[in-house]
Amino acid sequence: MPVIERWQALLLMGFVQGESRSQGALFPVSLDELIPEDHLVRVINLWVDRVDVARLGFAKAQPKSTGRPPYDPADLLKL
């Protein structure tokens, strides 16, 4: 491939292309649409949002400043 063609290919593919506006979705936009209003998972979600996970004994509740941040202990408790 000549040098000019390689540069043209890089310039044409410089941005991430989004989905077409007419593209249909296989899944709902959010999980909220799938979960009924009276489901138990909503109670668990509200409880974990209000509880202090560090007091529950989660040792990694305060992330360190180095390296990649860990998953939020509250999110893991919800799972």
PDB file of N, CA and C in Angstrom:
ATOM      1  N   MET A   1       0.859  -1.175   0.000  1.00  0.00           N
ATOM      2  CA  MET A   1       0.000   0.000   0.000  1.00  0.00           C
ATOM      3  C   MET A   1       0.904   1.237   0.000  1.00  0.00           C
ATOM      4  N   PRO A   2       0.741   2.120  -0.952  1.00  0.00           N
ATOM      5  CA  PRO A   2       1.555   3.339  -0.981  1.00  0.00           C
ATOM      6  C   PRO A   2       1.291   4.211   0.244  1.00  0.00           C
ATOM      7  N   VAL A   3       2.245   5.063   0.561  1.00  0.00           N
ATOM      8  CA  VAL A   3       2.176   5.908   1.754  1.00  0.00           C
ATOM      9  C   VAL A   3       0.954   6.821   1.719  1.00  0.00           C
ATOM     10  N   ILE A   4       0.634   7.384   0.571  1.00  0.00           N
ATOM     11  CA  ILE A   4      -0.503   8.311   0.468  1.00  0.00           C
ATOM     12  C   ILE A   4      -1.810   7.598   0.791  1.00  0.00           C
ATOM     13  N   GLU A   5      -1.976   6.384   0.298  1.00  0.00           N
ATOM     14  CA  GLU A   5      -3.209   5.642   0.576  1.00  0.00           C
ATOM     15  C   GLU A   5      -3.340   5.309   2.063  1.00  0.00           C
ATOM     16  N   ARG A   6      -2.228   5.012   2.712  1.00  0.00           N
ATOM     17  CA  ARG A   6      -2.279   4.731   4.159  1.00  0.00           C
ATOM     18  C   ARG A   6      -2.721   5.965   4.927  1.00  0.00           C
ATOM     19  N   TRP A   7      -2.207   7.139   4.564  1.00  0.00           N
ATOM     20  CA  TRP A   7      -2.594   8.372   5.252  1.00  0.00           C
ATOM     21  C   TRP A   7      -4.056   8.698   5.003  1.00  0.00           C
ATOM     22  N   GLN A   8      -4.538   8.459   3.793  1.00  0.00           N
ATOM     23  CA  GLN A   8      -5.950   8.702   3.504  1.00  0.00           C
ATOM     24  C   GLN A   8      -6.835   7.794   4.347  1.00  0.00           C
ATOM     25  N   ALA A   9      -6.438   6.540   4.485  1.00  0.00           N
ATOM     26  CA  ALA A   9      -7.212   5.605   5.300  1.00  0.00           C
ATOM     27  C   ALA A   9      -7.243   6.051   6.755  1.00  0.00           C
ATOM     28  N   LEU A  10      -6.140   6.566   7.281  1.00  0.00           N
ATOM     29  CA  LEU A  10      -6.103   7.043   8.662  1.00  0.00           C
ATOM     30  C   LEU A  10      -6.964   8.282   8.847  1.00  0.00           C
ATOM     31  N   LEU A  11      -6.946   9.166   7.861  1.00  0.00           N
ATOM     32  CA  LEU A  11      -7.743  10.392   7.969  1.00  0.00           C
ATOM     33  C   LEU A  11      -9.235  10.102   7.878  1.00  0.00           C
ATOM     34  N   LEU A  12      -9.619   9.151   7.072  1.00  0.00           N
ATOM     35  CA  LEU A  12     -11.033   8.828   6.919  1.00  0.00           C
ATOM     36  C   LEU A  12     -11.579   8.073   8.125  1.00  0.00           C
ATOM     37  N   MET A  13     -10.745   7.383   8.872  1.00  0.00           N
ATOM     38  CA  MET A  13     -11.199   6.584  10.001  1.00  0.00           C
ATOM     39  C   MET A  13     -10.730   7.180  11.322  1.00  0.00           C
ATOM     40  N   GLY A  14     -10.631   8.510  11.397  1.00  0.00           N
ATOM     41  CA  GLY A  14     -10.092   9.158  12.571  1.00  0.00           C
ATOM     42  C   GLY A  14     -11.047   9.258  13.741  1.00  0.00           C
ATOM     43  N   PHE A  15     -12.342   9.088  13.505  1.00  0.00           N
ATOM     44  CA  PHE A  15     -13.330   9.237  14.575  1.00  0.00           C
ATOM     45  C   PHE A  15     -14.121   7.951  14.750  1.00  0.00           C
ATOM     46  N   VAL A  16     -14.594   7.736  15.931  1.00  0.00           N
ATOM     47  CA  VAL A  16     -15.478   6.604  16.189  1.00  0.00           C
ATOM     48  C   VAL A  16     -16.845   6.959  15.624  1.00  0.00           C
ATOM     49  N   GLN A  17     -17.375   6.078  14.824  1.00  0.00           N
ATOM     50  CA  GLN A  17     -18.673   6.325  14.215  1.00  0.00           C
ATOM     51  C   GLN A  17     -19.778   5.820  15.133  1.00  0.00           C
ATOM     52  N   GLY A  18     -20.781   6.639  15.355  1.00  0.00           N
ATOM     53  CA  GLY A  18     -21.923   6.243  16.164  1.00  0.00           C
ATOM     54  C   GLY A  18     -22.909   5.420  15.363  1.00  0.00           C
ATOM     55  N   GLU A  19     -23.942   4.958  16.031  1.00  0.00           N
ATOM     56  CA  GLU A  19     -24.973   4.182  15.359  1.00  0.00           C
ATOM     57  C   GLU A  19     -25.890   5.110  14.574  1.00  0.00           C
ATOM     58  N   SER A  20     -26.490   4.565  13.551  1.00  0.00           N
ATOM     59  CA  SER A  20     -27.457   5.317  12.758  1.00  0.00           C
ATOM     60  C   SER A  20     -28.690   5.614  13.604  1.00  0.00           C
ATOM     61  N   ARG A  21     -29.322   6.741  13.356  1.00  0.00           N
ATOM     62  CA  ARG A  21     -30.526   7.094  14.128  1.00  0.00           C
ATOM     63  C   ARG A  21     -31.677   6.154  13.849  1.00  0.00           C
ATOM     64  N   SER A  22     -31.638   5.499  12.717  1.00  0.00           N
ATOM     65  CA  SER A  22     -32.711   4.569  12.375  1.00  0.00           C
ATOM     66  C   SER A  22     -32.411   3.137  12.831  1.00  0.00           C
ATOM     67  N   GLN A  23     -31.271   2.938  13.483  1.00  0.00           N
ATOM     68  CA  GLN A  23     -30.877   1.614  13.957  1.00  0.00           C
ATOM     69  C   GLN A  23     -31.794   1.160  15.087  1.00  0.00           C
ATOM     70  N   GLY A  24     -32.348  -0.003  14.961  1.00  0.00           N
ATOM     71  CA  GLY A  24     -33.191  -0.560  16.013  1.00  0.00           C
ATOM     72  C   GLY A  24     -32.344  -1.100  17.149  1.00  0.00           C
ATOM     73  N   ALA A  25     -32.940  -1.208  18.322  1.00  0.00           N
ATOM     74  CA  ALA A  25     -32.215  -1.706  19.493  1.00  0.00           C
ATOM     75  C   ALA A  25     -32.750  -3.087  19.851  1.00  0.00           C
ATOM     76  N   LEU A  26     -31.827  -3.982  20.181  1.00  0.00           N
ATOM     77  CA  LEU A  26     -32.219  -5.322  20.591  1.00  0.00           C
ATOM     78  C   LEU A  26     -32.674  -5.335  22.050  1.00  0.00           C
ATOM     79  N   PHE A  27     -32.042  -4.514  22.869  1.00  0.00           N
ATOM     80  CA  PHE A  27     -32.347  -4.459  24.290  1.00  0.00           C
ATOM     81  C   PHE A  27     -32.993  -3.125  24.639  1.00  0.00           C
ATOM     82  N   PRO A  28     -33.723  -3.057  25.758  1.00  0.00           N
ATOM     83  CA  PRO A  28     -34.280  -1.773  26.197  1.00  0.00           C
ATOM     84  C   PRO A  28     -33.166  -0.771  26.495  1.00  0.00           C
ATOM     85  N   VAL A  29     -33.527   0.481  26.533  1.00  0.00           N
ATOM     86  CA  VAL A  29     -32.555   1.540  26.763  1.00  0.00           C
ATOM     87  C   VAL A  29     -31.929   1.413  28.147  1.00  0.00           C
ATOM     88  N   SER A  30     -32.691   1.043  29.149  1.00  0.00           N
ATOM     89  CA  SER A  30     -32.151   0.921  30.497  1.00  0.00           C
ATOM     90  C   SER A  30     -32.754  -0.288  31.207  1.00  0.00           C
ATOM     91  N   LEU A  31     -32.071  -0.714  32.275  1.00  0.00           N
ATOM     92  CA  LEU A  31     -32.602  -1.815  33.074  1.00  0.00           C
ATOM     93  C   LEU A  31     -33.865  -1.414  33.820  1.00  0.00           C
ATOM     94  N   ASP A  32     -34.016  -0.122  34.064  1.00  0.00           N
ATOM     95  CA  ASP A  32     -35.205   0.369  34.765  1.00  0.00           C
ATOM     96  C   ASP A  32     -36.484  -0.032  34.029  1.00  0.00           C
ATOM     97  N   GLU A  33     -36.412  -0.122  32.725  1.00  0.00           N
ATOM     98  CA  GLU A  33     -37.591  -0.502  31.944  1.00  0.00           C
ATOM     99  C   GLU A  33     -37.954  -1.970  32.139  1.00  0.00           C
ATOM    100  N   LEU A  34     -36.988  -2.790  32.521  1.00  0.00           N
ATOM    101  CA  LEU A  34     -37.237  -4.212  32.695  1.00  0.00           C
ATOM    102  C   LEU A  34     -37.722  -4.585  34.091  1.00  0.00           C
ATOM    103  N   ILE A  35     -37.407  -3.768  35.081  1.00  0.00           N
ATOM    104  CA  ILE A  35     -37.692  -4.105  36.477  1.00  0.00           C
ATOM    105  C   ILE A  35     -39.012  -3.475  36.903  1.00  0.00           C
ATOM    106  N   PRO A  36     -39.967  -4.289  37.368  1.00  0.00           N
ATOM    107  CA  PRO A  36     -41.236  -3.731  37.834  1.00  0.00           C
ATOM    108  C   PRO A  36     -41.034  -2.796  39.028  1.00  0.00           C
ATOM    109  N   GLU A  37     -41.958  -1.880  39.194  1.00  0.00           N
ATOM    110  CA  GLU A  37     -41.867  -0.887  40.276  1.00  0.00           C
ATOM    111  C   GLU A  37     -41.864  -1.528  41.662  1.00  0.00           C
ATOM    112  N   ASP A  38     -42.525  -2.656  41.844  1.00  0.00           N
ATOM    113  CA  ASP A  38     -42.634  -3.280  43.162  1.00  0.00           C
ATOM    114  C   ASP A  38     -41.664  -4.440  43.360  1.00  0.00           C
ATOM    115  N   HIS A  39     -40.613  -4.520  42.571  1.00  0.00           N
ATOM    116  CA  HIS A  39     -39.648  -5.627  42.673  1.00  0.00           C
ATOM    117  C   HIS A  39     -38.715  -5.426  43.865  1.00  0.00           C
ATOM    118  N   LEU A  40     -38.295  -6.526  44.486  1.00  0.00           N
ATOM    119  CA  LEU A  40     -37.428  -6.496  45.662  1.00  0.00           C
ATOM    120  C   LEU A  40     -36.071  -5.849  45.368  1.00  0.00           C
ATOM    121  N   VAL A  41     -35.596  -5.960  44.150  1.00  0.00           N
ATOM    122  CA  VAL A  41     -34.290  -5.400  43.810  1.00  0.00           C
ATOM    123  C   VAL A  41     -34.265  -3.882  44.002  1.00  0.00           C
ATOM    124  N   ARG A  42     -35.381  -3.230  43.881  1.00  0.00           N
ATOM    125  CA  ARG A  42     -35.434  -1.772  44.108  1.00  0.00           C
ATOM    126  C   ARG A  42     -35.235  -1.440  45.586  1.00  0.00           C
ATOM    127  N   VAL A  43     -35.739  -2.276  46.472  1.00  0.00           N
ATOM    128  CA  VAL A  43     -35.543  -2.082  47.915  1.00  0.00           C
ATOM    129  C   VAL A  43     -34.072  -2.296  48.266  1.00  0.00           C
ATOM    130  N   ILE A  44     -33.476  -3.343  47.718  1.00  0.00           N
ATOM    131  CA  ILE A  44     -32.055  -3.615  47.965  1.00  0.00           C
ATOM    132  C   ILE A  44     -31.200  -2.454  47.468  1.00  0.00           C
ATOM    133  N   ASN A  45     -31.511  -1.949  46.294  1.00  0.00           N
ATOM    134  CA  ASN A  45     -30.761  -0.829  45.728  1.00  0.00           C
ATOM    135  C   ASN A  45     -30.825   0.402  46.636  1.00  0.00           C
ATOM    136  N   LEU A  46     -32.007   0.736  47.124  1.00  0.00           N
ATOM    137  CA  LEU A  46     -32.157   1.898  48.018  1.00  0.00           C
ATOM    138  C   LEU A  46     -31.423   1.678  49.341  1.00  0.00           C
ATOM    139  N   TRP A  47     -31.495   0.460  49.885  1.00  0.00           N
ATOM    140  CA  TRP A  47     -30.831   0.177  51.162  1.00  0.00           C
ATOM    141  C   TRP A  47     -29.316   0.297  51.030  1.00  0.00           C
ATOM    142  N   VAL A  48     -28.745  -0.295  49.986  1.00  0.00           N
ATOM    143  CA  VAL A  48     -27.292  -0.249  49.812  1.00  0.00           C
ATOM    144  C   VAL A  48     -26.829   1.188  49.554  1.00  0.00           C
ATOM    145  N   ASP A  49     -27.632   1.977  48.863  1.00  0.00           N
ATOM    146  CA  ASP A  49     -27.263   3.379  48.632  1.00  0.00           C
ATOM    147  C   ASP A  49     -27.172   4.175  49.927  1.00  0.00           C
ATOM    148  N   ARG A  50     -27.925   3.763  50.952  1.00  0.00           N
ATOM    149  CA  ARG A  50     -27.955   4.517  52.211  1.00  0.00           C
ATOM    150  C   ARG A  50     -27.019   3.966  53.290  1.00  0.00           C
ATOM    151  N   VAL A  51     -26.550   2.736  53.137  1.00  0.00           N
ATOM    152  CA  VAL A  51     -25.721   2.118  54.162  1.00  0.00           C
ATOM    153  C   VAL A  51     -24.251   2.534  53.981  1.00  0.00           C
ATOM    154  N   ASP A  52     -23.523   2.591  55.083  1.00  0.00           N
ATOM    155  CA  ASP A  52     -22.089   2.892  55.054  1.00  0.00           C
ATOM    156  C   ASP A  52     -21.340   1.569  54.903  1.00  0.00           C
ATOM    157  N   VAL A  53     -20.839   1.304  53.687  1.00  0.00           N
ATOM    158  CA  VAL A  53     -20.214   0.005  53.431  1.00  0.00           C
ATOM    159  C   VAL A  53     -18.925  -0.181  54.218  1.00  0.00           C
ATOM    160  N   ALA A  54     -18.244   0.891  54.576  1.00  0.00           N
ATOM    161  CA  ALA A  54     -17.022   0.766  55.385  1.00  0.00           C
ATOM    162  C   ALA A  54     -17.364   0.221  56.770  1.00  0.00           C
ATOM    163  N   ARG A  55     -18.489   0.638  57.347  1.00  0.00           N
ATOM    164  CA  ARG A  55     -18.911   0.136  58.665  1.00  0.00           C
ATOM    165  C   ARG A  55     -19.340  -1.325  58.606  1.00  0.00           C
ATOM    166  N   LEU A  56     -19.722  -1.802  57.423  1.00  0.00           N
ATOM    167  CA  LEU A  56     -20.102  -3.205  57.272  1.00  0.00           C
ATOM    168  C   LEU A  56     -18.891  -4.121  57.187  1.00  0.00           C
ATOM    169  N   GLY A  57     -17.696  -3.535  57.093  1.00  0.00           N
ATOM    170  CA  GLY A  57     -16.492  -4.346  57.069  1.00  0.00           C
ATOM    171  C   GLY A  57     -15.841  -4.496  55.710  1.00  0.00           C
ATOM    172  N   PHE A  58     -16.283  -3.726  54.737  1.00  0.00           N
ATOM    173  CA  PHE A  58     -15.628  -3.773  53.425  1.00  0.00           C
ATOM    174  C   PHE A  58     -14.291  -3.060  53.548  1.00  0.00           C
ATOM    175  N   ALA A  59     -13.199  -3.822  53.431  1.00  0.00           N
ATOM    176  CA  ALA A  59     -11.858  -3.275  53.647  1.00  0.00           C
ATOM    177  C   ALA A  59     -11.424  -2.323  52.545  1.00  0.00           C
ATOM    178  N   LYS A  60     -11.953  -2.490  51.368  1.00  0.00           N
ATOM    179  CA  LYS A  60     -11.536  -1.670  50.227  1.00  0.00           C
ATOM    180  C   LYS A  60     -12.523  -0.541  49.939  1.00  0.00           C
ATOM    181  N   ALA A  61     -13.232  -0.064  50.963  1.00  0.00           N
ATOM    182  CA  ALA A  61     -14.232   0.984  50.751  1.00  0.00           C
ATOM    183  C   ALA A  61     -13.596   2.317  50.386  1.00  0.00           C
ATOM    184  N   GLN A  62     -12.352   2.551  50.808  1.00  0.00           N
ATOM    185  CA  GLN A  62     -11.633   3.780  50.454  1.00  0.00           C
ATOM    186  C   GLN A  62     -10.559   3.427  49.425  1.00  0.00           C
ATOM    187  N   PRO A  63     -10.716   3.878  48.165  1.00  0.00           N
ATOM    188  CA  PRO A  63      -9.736   3.511  47.141  1.00  0.00           C
ATOM    189  C   PRO A  63      -8.394   4.196  47.348  1.00  0.00           C
ATOM    190  N   LYS A  64      -7.323   3.532  46.900  1.00  0.00           N
ATOM    191  CA  LYS A  64      -5.992   4.122  46.955  1.00  0.00           C
ATOM    192  C   LYS A  64      -5.820   5.076  45.790  1.00  0.00           C
ATOM    193  N   SER A  65      -4.820   5.942  45.878  1.00  0.00           N
ATOM    194  CA  SER A  65      -4.614   6.925  44.811  1.00  0.00           C
ATOM    195  C   SER A  65      -3.767   6.376  43.671  1.00  0.00           C
ATOM    196  N   THR A  66      -3.237   5.178  43.800  1.00  0.00           N
ATOM    197  CA  THR A  66      -2.395   4.617  42.758  1.00  0.00           C
ATOM    198  C   THR A  66      -3.118   3.491  42.027  1.00  0.00           C
ATOM    199  N   GLY A  67      -2.745   3.286  40.797  1.00  0.00           N
ATOM    200  CA  GLY A  67      -3.301   2.180  40.033  1.00  0.00           C
ATOM    201  C   GLY A  67      -4.719   2.423  39.560  1.00  0.00           C
ATOM    202  N   ARG A  68      -5.286   1.397  38.981  1.00  0.00           N
ATOM    203  CA  ARG A  68      -6.646   1.475  38.472  1.00  0.00           C
ATOM    204  C   ARG A  68      -7.622   1.403  39.644  1.00  0.00           C
ATOM    205  N   PRO A  69      -8.640   2.247  39.651  1.00  0.00           N
ATOM    206  CA  PRO A  69      -9.602   2.199  40.757  1.00  0.00           C
ATOM    207  C   PRO A  69     -10.372   0.880  40.763  1.00  0.00           C
ATOM    208  N   PRO A  70     -10.670   0.349  41.951  1.00  0.00           N
ATOM    209  CA  PRO A  70     -11.423  -0.906  42.034  1.00  0.00           C
ATOM    210  C   PRO A  70     -12.909  -0.656  41.786  1.00  0.00           C
ATOM    211  N   TYR A  71     -13.661  -1.733  41.701  1.00  0.00           N
ATOM    212  CA  TYR A  71     -15.115  -1.601  41.627  1.00  0.00           C
ATOM    213  C   TYR A  71     -15.625  -1.045  42.949  1.00  0.00           C
ATOM    214  N   ASP A  72     -16.695  -0.292  42.881  1.00  0.00           N
ATOM    215  CA  ASP A  72     -17.304   0.271  44.077  1.00  0.00           C
ATOM    216  C   ASP A  72     -17.869  -0.868  44.926  1.00  0.00           C
ATOM    217  N   PRO A  73     -17.493  -0.955  46.209  1.00  0.00           N
ATOM    218  CA  PRO A  73     -18.004  -2.026  47.070  1.00  0.00           C
ATOM    219  C   PRO A  73     -19.529  -2.034  47.157  1.00  0.00           C
ATOM    220  N   ALA A  74     -20.155  -0.879  47.078  1.00  0.00           N
ATOM    221  CA  ALA A  74     -21.614  -0.831  47.126  1.00  0.00           C
ATOM    222  C   ALA A  74     -22.212  -1.510  45.902  1.00  0.00           C
ATOM    223  N   ASP A  75     -21.611  -1.309  44.735  1.00  0.00           N
ATOM    224  CA  ASP A  75     -22.095  -1.986  43.528  1.00  0.00           C
ATOM    225  C   ASP A  75     -21.918  -3.488  43.642  1.00  0.00           C
ATOM    226  N   LEU A  76     -20.795  -3.919  44.219  1.00  0.00           N
ATOM    227  CA  LEU A  76     -20.587  -5.352  44.385  1.00  0.00           C
ATOM    228  C   LEU A  76     -21.577  -5.946  45.392  1.00  0.00           C
ATOM    229  N   LEU A  77     -21.916  -5.195  46.429  1.00  0.00           N
ATOM    230  CA  LEU A  77     -22.901  -5.663  47.396  1.00  0.00           C
ATOM    231  C   LEU A  77     -24.277  -5.786  46.742  1.00  0.00           C
ATOM    232  N   LYS A  78     -24.602  -4.867  45.855  1.00  0.00           N
ATOM    233  CA  LYS A  78     -25.881  -4.938  45.151  1.00  0.00           C
ATOM    234  C   LYS A  78     -25.959  -6.180  44.284  1.00  0.00           C
ATOM    235  N   LEU A  79     -24.836  -6.547  43.700  1.00  0.00           N
ATOM    236  CA  LEU A  79     -24.838  -7.760  42.866  1.00  0.00           C
ATOM    237  C   LEU A  79     -25.076  -8.987  43.725  1.00  0.00           C
TER     238      LEU A  79
END
